[in-house]
Amino acid sequence: DDEDGSNTIFYIFGSEDVLSIEKFMVFDRWGNQLFRADNFAPNDPQYGWDGKFQTKSMNPGVYVYYAKVIFKDGTEQIFKGDVSLIR
């Protein structure tokens, strides 16, 4: 865990246009799902990934995320990319 406590949770930020996050997942480079949260409001670190899988801290590296976002106007958008885990 990092010593200063900053950036310890990876979670979804959204503007006032976002109604909810339908799905947020994090995978390792082999495609194993490490984290999943469903149907929550954006900007809440309670629904974020802490860099662990089943209470075990993952190794530093690059992980893949996928998020399905629902907007207030009824549209949906998929966001995906990678995040670097540094310890």
Protein backbone atom coordinates (compact mmCIF):
# COMPACT_ATOMS: atom_id res chain seq x y z
CA ASP A 1 0.00 0.00 0.00
CA ASP A 2 1.27 3.45 -0.68
CA GLU A 3 2.50 5.38 2.30
CA ASP A 4 0.79 8.72 1.75
CA GLY A 5 -2.70 7.27 1.25
CA SER A 6 -3.27 9.07 -2.05
CA ASN A 7 -4.86 7.30 -5.01
CA THR A 8 -5.53 4.15 -3.02
CA ILE A 9 -8.90 3.49 -4.70
CA PHE A 10 -9.59 3.42 -8.45
CA TYR A 11 -13.18 4.49 -9.02
CA ILE A 12 -15.46 6.09 -11.62
CA PHE A 13 -15.86 9.85 -11.79
CA GLY A 14 -18.82 11.32 -13.62
CA SER A 15 -20.40 14.70 -14.35
CA GLU A 16 -23.91 15.72 -13.41
CA ASP A 17 -24.99 14.17 -16.75
CA VAL A 18 -24.32 10.65 -15.42
CA LEU A 19 -27.28 8.82 -13.92
CA SER A 20 -25.48 5.66 -12.81
CA ILE A 21 -22.69 3.21 -13.45
CA GLU A 22 -24.32 -0.03 -14.57
CA LYS A 23 -21.13 -2.07 -14.46
CA PHE A 24 -17.48 -1.48 -13.49
CA MET A 25 -14.93 -4.26 -13.77
CA VAL A 26 -11.15 -4.65 -13.50
CA PHE A 27 -9.20 -7.51 -15.11
CA ASP A 28 -5.63 -8.72 -15.10
CA ARG A 29 -3.70 -9.10 -18.35
CA TRP A 30 -4.91 -12.70 -18.74
CA GLY A 31 -8.54 -11.63 -18.61
CA ASN A 32 -9.27 -12.78 -15.06
CA GLN A 33 -11.87 -10.59 -13.38
CA LEU A 34 -10.43 -9.10 -10.19
CA PHE A 35 -13.18 -6.66 -9.27
CA ARG A 36 -16.81 -5.92 -10.14
CA ALA A 37 -19.40 -3.42 -8.95
CA ASP A 38 -22.90 -2.98 -10.38
CA ASN A 39 -25.54 -0.25 -10.38
CA PHE A 40 -24.08 2.59 -8.33
CA ALA A 41 -23.71 6.35 -8.47
CA PRO A 42 -20.49 7.86 -9.84
CA ASN A 43 -17.89 9.63 -7.67
CA ASP A 44 -18.14 7.15 -4.79
CA PRO A 45 -14.89 5.44 -3.76
CA GLN A 46 -16.93 2.81 -1.90
CA TYR A 47 -17.51 1.24 -5.35
CA GLY A 48 -13.88 1.34 -6.43
CA TRP A 49 -11.04 -1.13 -6.74
CA ASP A 50 -8.42 -1.10 -4.00
CA GLY A 51 -5.76 -3.05 -5.93
CA LYS A 52 -6.66 -6.34 -4.27
CA PHE A 53 -8.25 -9.62 -5.28
CA GLN A 54 -9.87 -11.67 -2.52
CA THR A 55 -8.01 -9.58 0.11
CA LYS A 56 -4.62 -10.26 -1.54
CA SER A 57 -2.70 -7.24 -2.81
CA MET A 58 -2.03 -7.55 -6.52
CA ASN A 59 1.43 -7.06 -7.97
CA PRO A 60 2.34 -3.74 -9.56
CA GLY A 61 1.44 -3.76 -13.23
CA VAL A 62 -1.09 -2.74 -15.82
CA TYR A 63 -4.72 -3.78 -15.38
CA VAL A 64 -7.70 -3.35 -17.70
CA TYR A 65 -10.97 -1.69 -16.74
CA TYR A 66 -14.44 -1.71 -18.32
CA ALA A 67 -17.32 0.54 -17.32
CA LYS A 68 -20.86 0.84 -18.69
CA VAL A 69 -22.23 4.28 -17.90
CA ILE A 70 -25.89 5.32 -18.10
CA PHE A 71 -26.59 9.00 -18.73
CA LYS A 72 -29.64 10.97 -17.59
CA ASP A 73 -30.80 11.35 -21.20
CA GLY A 74 -31.11 7.54 -21.44
CA THR A 75 -27.98 6.94 -23.51
CA GLU A 76 -25.32 4.41 -22.54
CA GLN A 77 -21.60 4.49 -23.16
CA ILE A 78 -18.83 1.95 -22.65
CA PHE A 79 -15.49 3.16 -21.30
CA LYS A 80 -12.47 0.88 -21.27
CA GLY A 81 -8.77 1.28 -20.89
CA ASP A 82 -5.95 0.46 -18.55
CA VAL A 83 -4.75 1.53 -15.18
CA SER A 84 -1.27 1.12 -13.69
CA LEU A 85 -1.01 -0.25 -10.20
CA ILE A 86 2.06 1.08 -8.41
CA ARG A 87 3.05 0.19 -4.88
